[in-house]
Amino acid sequence: MGFDEASEAYVKQKLRAAKQVGIDAKVVKPAAETKESIFELISQLNKNNEVHAIIVQLPLPKHL
């Protein structure tokens, strides 16, 4: 979803920190930059018993 250099750097730091403490973290992006696509992805992740946390990275695109 879009590209924000500072946000991308912050995500890399989160992934590195997660790895250091043994957390399997991954970045998952919706199929499209629509509210419906984002809600669908969150719904799918929420139903997955292997997913224990979801972080929505800001900033979101202006239209959201």
PDB file of N, CA and C in Angstrom:
ATOM      1  N   MET A   1       0.845  -1.185   0.000  1.00  0.00           N
ATOM      2  CA  MET A   1       0.000   0.000   0.000  1.00  0.00           C
ATOM      3  C   MET A   1       0.879   1.233   0.000  1.00  0.00           C
ATOM      4  N   GLY A   2       0.932   1.874  -1.087  1.00  0.00           N
ATOM      5  CA  GLY A   2       1.711   3.092  -1.150  1.00  0.00           C
ATOM      6  C   GLY A   2       3.149   2.852  -0.730  1.00  0.00           C
ATOM      7  N   PHE A   3       3.917   3.888  -0.657  1.00  0.00           N
ATOM      8  CA  PHE A   3       5.285   3.770  -0.178  1.00  0.00           C
ATOM      9  C   PHE A   3       5.615   4.996   0.638  1.00  0.00           C
ATOM     10  N   ASP A   4       6.003   4.769   1.855  1.00  0.00           N
ATOM     11  CA  ASP A   4       6.454   5.827   2.754  1.00  0.00           C
ATOM     12  C   ASP A   4       7.794   5.356   3.302  1.00  0.00           C
ATOM     13  N   GLU A   5       8.858   6.052   2.925  1.00  0.00           N
ATOM     14  CA  GLU A   5      10.211   5.606   3.268  1.00  0.00           C
ATOM     15  C   GLU A   5      10.400   5.420   4.775  1.00  0.00           C
ATOM     16  N   ALA A   6       9.912   6.357   5.572  1.00  0.00           N
ATOM     17  CA  ALA A   6      10.067   6.249   7.023  1.00  0.00           C
ATOM     18  C   ALA A   6       9.287   5.052   7.563  1.00  0.00           C
ATOM     19  N   SER A   7       8.094   4.847   7.041  1.00  0.00           N
ATOM     20  CA  SER A   7       7.271   3.719   7.467  1.00  0.00           C
ATOM     21  C   SER A   7       7.931   2.393   7.101  1.00  0.00           C
ATOM     22  N   GLU A   8       8.473   2.305   5.894  1.00  0.00           N
ATOM     23  CA  GLU A   8       9.159   1.089   5.456  1.00  0.00           C
ATOM     24  C   GLU A   8      10.350   0.777   6.361  1.00  0.00           C
ATOM     25  N   ALA A   9      11.111   1.795   6.740  1.00  0.00           N
ATOM     26  CA  ALA A   9      12.253   1.602   7.639  1.00  0.00           C
ATOM     27  C   ALA A   9      11.779   1.117   9.012  1.00  0.00           C
ATOM     28  N   TYR A  10      10.679   1.669   9.489  1.00  0.00           N
ATOM     29  CA  TYR A  10      10.123   1.274  10.785  1.00  0.00           C
ATOM     30  C   TYR A  10       9.659  -0.180  10.748  1.00  0.00           C
ATOM     31  N   VAL A  11       9.039  -0.591   9.645  1.00  0.00           N
ATOM     32  CA  VAL A  11       8.592  -1.977   9.506  1.00  0.00           C
ATOM     33  C   VAL A  11       9.797  -2.916   9.536  1.00  0.00           C
ATOM     34  N   LYS A  12      10.870  -2.565   8.849  1.00  0.00           N
ATOM     35  CA  LYS A  12      12.075  -3.394   8.869  1.00  0.00           C
ATOM     36  C   LYS A  12      12.613  -3.541  10.282  1.00  0.00           C
ATOM     37  N   GLN A  13      12.581  -2.459  11.061  1.00  0.00           N
ATOM     38  CA  GLN A  13      13.033  -2.524  12.454  1.00  0.00           C
ATOM     39  C   GLN A  13      12.137  -3.453  13.271  1.00  0.00           C
ATOM     40  N   LYS A  14      10.823  -3.385  13.045  1.00  0.00           N
ATOM     41  CA  LYS A  14       9.886  -4.273  13.753  1.00  0.00           C
ATOM     42  C   LYS A  14      10.174  -5.731  13.424  1.00  0.00           C
ATOM     43  N   LEU A  15      10.405  -6.031  12.148  1.00  0.00           N
ATOM     44  CA  LEU A  15      10.694  -7.401  11.741  1.00  0.00           C
ATOM     45  C   LEU A  15      11.991  -7.900  12.354  1.00  0.00           C
ATOM     46  N   ARG A  16      12.999  -7.052  12.361  1.00  0.00           N
ATOM     47  CA  ARG A  16      14.292  -7.423  12.949  1.00  0.00           C
ATOM     48  C   ARG A  16      14.147  -7.681  14.452  1.00  0.00           C
ATOM     49  N   ALA A  17      13.418  -6.821  15.153  1.00  0.00           N
ATOM     50  CA  ALA A  17      13.212  -6.988  16.596  1.00  0.00           C
ATOM     51  C   ALA A  17      12.418  -8.260  16.887  1.00  0.00           C
ATOM     52  N   ALA A  18      11.411  -8.528  16.079  1.00  0.00           N
ATOM     53  CA  ALA A  18      10.615  -9.746  16.267  1.00  0.00           C
ATOM     54  C   ALA A  18      11.500 -10.980  16.126  1.00  0.00           C
ATOM     55  N   LYS A  19      12.336 -11.002  15.107  1.00  0.00           N
ATOM     56  CA  LYS A  19      13.232 -12.138  14.873  1.00  0.00           C
ATOM     57  C   LYS A  19      14.173 -12.341  16.060  1.00  0.00           C
ATOM     58  N   GLN A  20      14.678 -11.243  16.617  1.00  0.00           N
ATOM     59  CA  GLN A  20      15.619 -11.329  17.739  1.00  0.00           C
ATOM     60  C   GLN A  20      15.001 -11.988  18.967  1.00  0.00           C
ATOM     61  N   VAL A  21      13.685 -11.854  19.135  1.00  0.00           N
ATOM     62  CA  VAL A  21      13.034 -12.454  20.311  1.00  0.00           C
ATOM     63  C   VAL A  21      12.242 -13.709  19.958  1.00  0.00           C
ATOM     64  N   GLY A  22      12.436 -14.216  18.734  1.00  0.00           N
ATOM     65  CA  GLY A  22      11.827 -15.486  18.356  1.00  0.00           C
ATOM     66  C   GLY A  22      10.400 -15.413  17.865  1.00  0.00           C
ATOM     67  N   ILE A  23       9.961 -14.256  17.432  1.00  0.00           N
ATOM     68  CA  ILE A  23       8.601 -14.101  16.909  1.00  0.00           C
ATOM     69  C   ILE A  23       8.652 -14.215  15.388  1.00  0.00           C
ATOM     70  N   ASP A  24       7.777 -15.057  14.833  1.00  0.00           N
ATOM     71  CA  ASP A  24       7.671 -15.201  13.382  1.00  0.00           C
ATOM     72  C   ASP A  24       6.735 -14.116  12.871  1.00  0.00           C
ATOM     73  N   ALA A  25       7.298 -13.044  12.353  1.00  0.00           N
ATOM     74  CA  ALA A  25       6.505 -11.906  11.871  1.00  0.00           C
ATOM     75  C   ALA A  25       6.635 -11.805  10.365  1.00  0.00           C
ATOM     76  N   LYS A  26       5.567 -11.377   9.725  1.00  0.00           N
ATOM     77  CA  LYS A  26       5.626 -11.174   8.280  1.00  0.00           C
ATOM     78  C   LYS A  26       4.734 -10.013   7.885  1.00  0.00           C
ATOM     79  N   VAL A  27       5.070  -9.418   6.768  1.00  0.00           N
ATOM     80  CA  VAL A  27       4.298  -8.302   6.214  1.00  0.00           C
ATOM     81  C   VAL A  27       3.319  -8.881   5.205  1.00  0.00           C
ATOM     82  N   VAL A  28       2.051  -8.543   5.370  1.00  0.00           N
ATOM     83  CA  VAL A  28       1.008  -8.998   4.455  1.00  0.00           C
ATOM     84  C   VAL A  28       0.276  -7.762   3.966  1.00  0.00           C
ATOM     85  N   LYS A  29       0.121  -7.653   2.646  1.00  0.00           N
ATOM     86  CA  LYS A  29      -0.539  -6.476   2.083  1.00  0.00           C
ATOM     87  C   LYS A  29      -1.822  -6.899   1.377  1.00  0.00           C
ATOM     88  N   PRO A  30      -2.845  -6.043   1.410  1.00  0.00           N
ATOM     89  CA  PRO A  30      -4.101  -6.373   0.742  1.00  0.00           C
ATOM     90  C   PRO A  30      -3.938  -6.397  -0.774  1.00  0.00           C
ATOM     91  N   ALA A  31      -4.874  -7.044  -1.449  1.00  0.00           N
ATOM     92  CA  ALA A  31      -4.831  -7.148  -2.903  1.00  0.00           C
ATOM     93  C   ALA A  31      -4.970  -5.787  -3.571  1.00  0.00           C
ATOM     94  N   ALA A  32      -5.705  -4.884  -2.940  1.00  0.00           N
ATOM     95  CA  ALA A  32      -5.931  -3.554  -3.506  1.00  0.00           C
ATOM     96  C   ALA A  32      -5.977  -2.534  -2.379  1.00  0.00           C
ATOM     97  N   GLU A  33      -5.801  -1.277  -2.716  1.00  0.00           N
ATOM     98  CA  GLU A  33      -5.843  -0.206  -1.713  1.00  0.00           C
ATOM     99  C   GLU A  33      -7.266   0.308  -1.540  1.00  0.00           C
ATOM    100  N   THR A  34      -8.165  -0.606  -1.195  1.00  0.00           N
ATOM    101  CA  THR A  34      -9.549  -0.211  -0.920  1.00  0.00           C
ATOM    102  C   THR A  34      -9.894  -0.603   0.508  1.00  0.00           C
ATOM    103  N   LYS A  35     -10.853   0.086   1.064  1.00  0.00           N
ATOM    104  CA  LYS A  35     -11.298  -0.236   2.423  1.00  0.00           C
ATOM    105  C   LYS A  35     -11.791  -1.679   2.488  1.00  0.00           C
ATOM    106  N   GLU A  36     -12.518  -2.098   1.476  1.00  0.00           N
ATOM    107  CA  GLU A  36     -13.068  -3.457   1.452  1.00  0.00           C
ATOM    108  C   GLU A  36     -11.961  -4.510   1.420  1.00  0.00           C
ATOM    109  N   SER A  37     -10.934  -4.269   0.620  1.00  0.00           N
ATOM    110  CA  SER A  37      -9.826  -5.210   0.516  1.00  0.00           C
ATOM    111  C   SER A  37      -9.060  -5.312   1.833  1.00  0.00           C
ATOM    112  N   ILE A  38      -8.867  -4.188   2.476  1.00  0.00           N
ATOM    113  CA  ILE A  38      -8.179  -4.184   3.773  1.00  0.00           C
ATOM    114  C   ILE A  38      -9.001  -4.915   4.821  1.00  0.00           C
ATOM    115  N   PHE A  39     -10.304  -4.637   4.883  1.00  0.00           N
ATOM    116  CA  PHE A  39     -11.172  -5.310   5.853  1.00  0.00           C
ATOM    117  C   PHE A  39     -11.221  -6.813   5.594  1.00  0.00           C
ATOM    118  N   GLU A  40     -11.237  -7.215   4.321  1.00  0.00           N
ATOM    119  CA  GLU A  40     -11.259  -8.639   3.979  1.00  0.00           C
ATOM    120  C   GLU A  40      -9.980  -9.314   4.446  1.00  0.00           C
ATOM    121  N   LEU A  41      -8.841  -8.693   4.216  1.00  0.00           N
ATOM    122  CA  LEU A  41      -7.566  -9.267   4.651  1.00  0.00           C
ATOM    123  C   LEU A  41      -7.521  -9.391   6.174  1.00  0.00           C
ATOM    124  N   ILE A  42      -7.932  -8.357   6.877  1.00  0.00           N
ATOM    125  CA  ILE A  42      -7.949  -8.414   8.342  1.00  0.00           C
ATOM    126  C   ILE A  42      -8.884  -9.519   8.822  1.00  0.00           C
ATOM    127  N   SER A  43     -10.025  -9.668   8.179  1.00  0.00           N
ATOM    128  CA  SER A  43     -10.976 -10.724   8.533  1.00  0.00           C
ATOM    129  C   SER A  43     -10.356 -12.106   8.341  1.00  0.00           C
ATOM    130  N   GLN A  44      -9.668 -12.308   7.206  1.00  0.00           N
ATOM    131  CA  GLN A  44      -9.011 -13.594   6.942  1.00  0.00           C
ATOM    132  C   GLN A  44      -7.927 -13.882   7.980  1.00  0.00           C
ATOM    133  N   LEU A  45      -7.117 -12.884   8.278  1.00  0.00           N
ATOM    134  CA  LEU A  45      -6.064 -13.069   9.279  1.00  0.00           C
ATOM    135  C   LEU A  45      -6.656 -13.350  10.656  1.00  0.00           C
ATOM    136  N   ASN A  46      -7.740 -12.681  10.970  1.00  0.00           N
ATOM    137  CA  ASN A  46      -8.388 -12.852  12.270  1.00  0.00           C
ATOM    138  C   ASN A  46      -8.939 -14.265  12.449  1.00  0.00           C
ATOM    139  N   LYS A  47      -9.324 -14.913  11.364  1.00  0.00           N
ATOM    140  CA  LYS A  47      -9.866 -16.280  11.418  1.00  0.00           C
ATOM    141  C   LYS A  47      -8.765 -17.333  11.439  1.00  0.00           C
ATOM    142  N   ASN A  48      -7.534 -16.948  11.162  1.00  0.00           N
ATOM    143  CA  ASN A  48      -6.411 -17.875  11.100  1.00  0.00           C
ATOM    144  C   ASN A  48      -5.860 -18.110  12.503  1.00  0.00           C
ATOM    145  N   ASN A  49      -5.974 -19.334  12.989  1.00  0.00           N
ATOM    146  CA  ASN A  49      -5.526 -19.657  14.352  1.00  0.00           C
ATOM    147  C   ASN A  49      -4.021 -19.521  14.548  1.00  0.00           C
ATOM    148  N   GLU A  50      -3.264 -19.451  13.460  1.00  0.00           N
ATOM    149  CA  GLU A  50      -1.815 -19.294  13.565  1.00  0.00           C
ATOM    150  C   GLU A  50      -1.403 -17.832  13.685  1.00  0.00           C
ATOM    151  N   VAL A  51      -2.344 -16.915  13.511  1.00  0.00           N
ATOM    152  CA  VAL A  51      -2.061 -15.477  13.622  1.00  0.00           C
ATOM    153  C   VAL A  51      -2.464 -15.030  15.024  1.00  0.00           C
ATOM    154  N   HIS A  52      -1.513 -14.431  15.736  1.00  0.00           N
ATOM    155  CA  HIS A  52      -1.762 -14.019  17.117  1.00  0.00           C
ATOM    156  C   HIS A  52      -1.803 -12.513  17.298  1.00  0.00           C
ATOM    157  N   ALA A  53      -1.457 -11.770  16.262  1.00  0.00           N
ATOM    158  CA  ALA A  53      -1.499 -10.307  16.347  1.00  0.00           C
ATOM    159  C   ALA A  53      -1.536  -9.725  14.945  1.00  0.00           C
ATOM    160  N   ILE A  54      -2.163  -8.581  14.823  1.00  0.00           N
ATOM    161  CA  ILE A  54      -2.234  -7.865  13.554  1.00  0.00           C
ATOM    162  C   ILE A  54      -1.888  -6.406  13.844  1.00  0.00           C
ATOM    163  N   ILE A  55      -0.978  -5.852  13.067  1.00  0.00           N
ATOM    164  CA  ILE A  55      -0.645  -4.432  13.176  1.00  0.00           C
ATOM    165  C   ILE A  55      -0.964  -3.787  11.833  1.00  0.00           C
ATOM    166  N   VAL A  56      -1.783  -2.761  11.833  1.00  0.00           N
ATOM    167  CA  VAL A  56      -2.050  -1.996  10.619  1.00  0.00           C
ATOM    168  C   VAL A  56      -1.057  -0.848  10.611  1.00  0.00           C
ATOM    169  N   GLN A  57      -0.158  -0.879   9.641  1.00  0.00           N
ATOM    170  CA  GLN A  57       0.913   0.120   9.577  1.00  0.00           C
ATOM    171  C   GLN A  57       0.402   1.439   9.002  1.00  0.00           C
ATOM    172  N   LEU A  58       0.713   2.495   9.685  1.00  0.00           N
ATOM    173  CA  LEU A  58       0.379   3.839   9.220  1.00  0.00           C
ATOM    174  C   LEU A  58       1.600   4.462   8.576  1.00  0.00           C
ATOM    175  N   PRO A  59       1.480   5.394   7.701  1.00  0.00           N
ATOM    176  CA  PRO A  59       0.229   6.057   7.314  1.00  0.00           C
ATOM    177  C   PRO A  59      -0.508   5.250   6.251  1.00  0.00           C
ATOM    178  N   LEU A  60      -1.825   5.308   6.301  1.00  0.00           N
ATOM    179  CA  LEU A  60      -2.648   4.743   5.252  1.00  0.00           C
ATOM    180  C   LEU A  60      -2.738   5.728   4.112  1.00  0.00           C
ATOM    181  N   PRO A  61      -3.042   5.268   2.902  1.00  0.00           N
ATOM    182  CA  PRO A  61      -3.236   6.193   1.799  1.00  0.00           C
ATOM    183  C   PRO A  61      -4.316   7.220   2.141  1.00  0.00           C
ATOM    184  N   LYS A  62      -4.191   8.417   1.616  1.00  0.00           N
ATOM    185  CA  LYS A  62      -5.101   9.514   1.964  1.00  0.00           C
ATOM    186  C   LYS A  62      -6.575   9.189   1.747  1.00  0.00           C
ATOM    187  N   HIS A  63      -6.897   8.387   0.729  1.00  0.00           N
ATOM    188  CA  HIS A  63      -8.294   8.066   0.458  1.00  0.00           C
ATOM    189  C   HIS A  63      -8.911   7.119   1.487  1.00  0.00           C
ATOM    190  N   LEU A  64      -8.091   6.587   2.391  1.00  0.00           N
ATOM    191  CA  LEU A  64      -8.611   5.713   3.430  1.00  0.00           C
ATOM    192  C   LEU A  64      -8.694   6.431   4.750  1.00  0.00           C
TER     193      LEU A  64
END
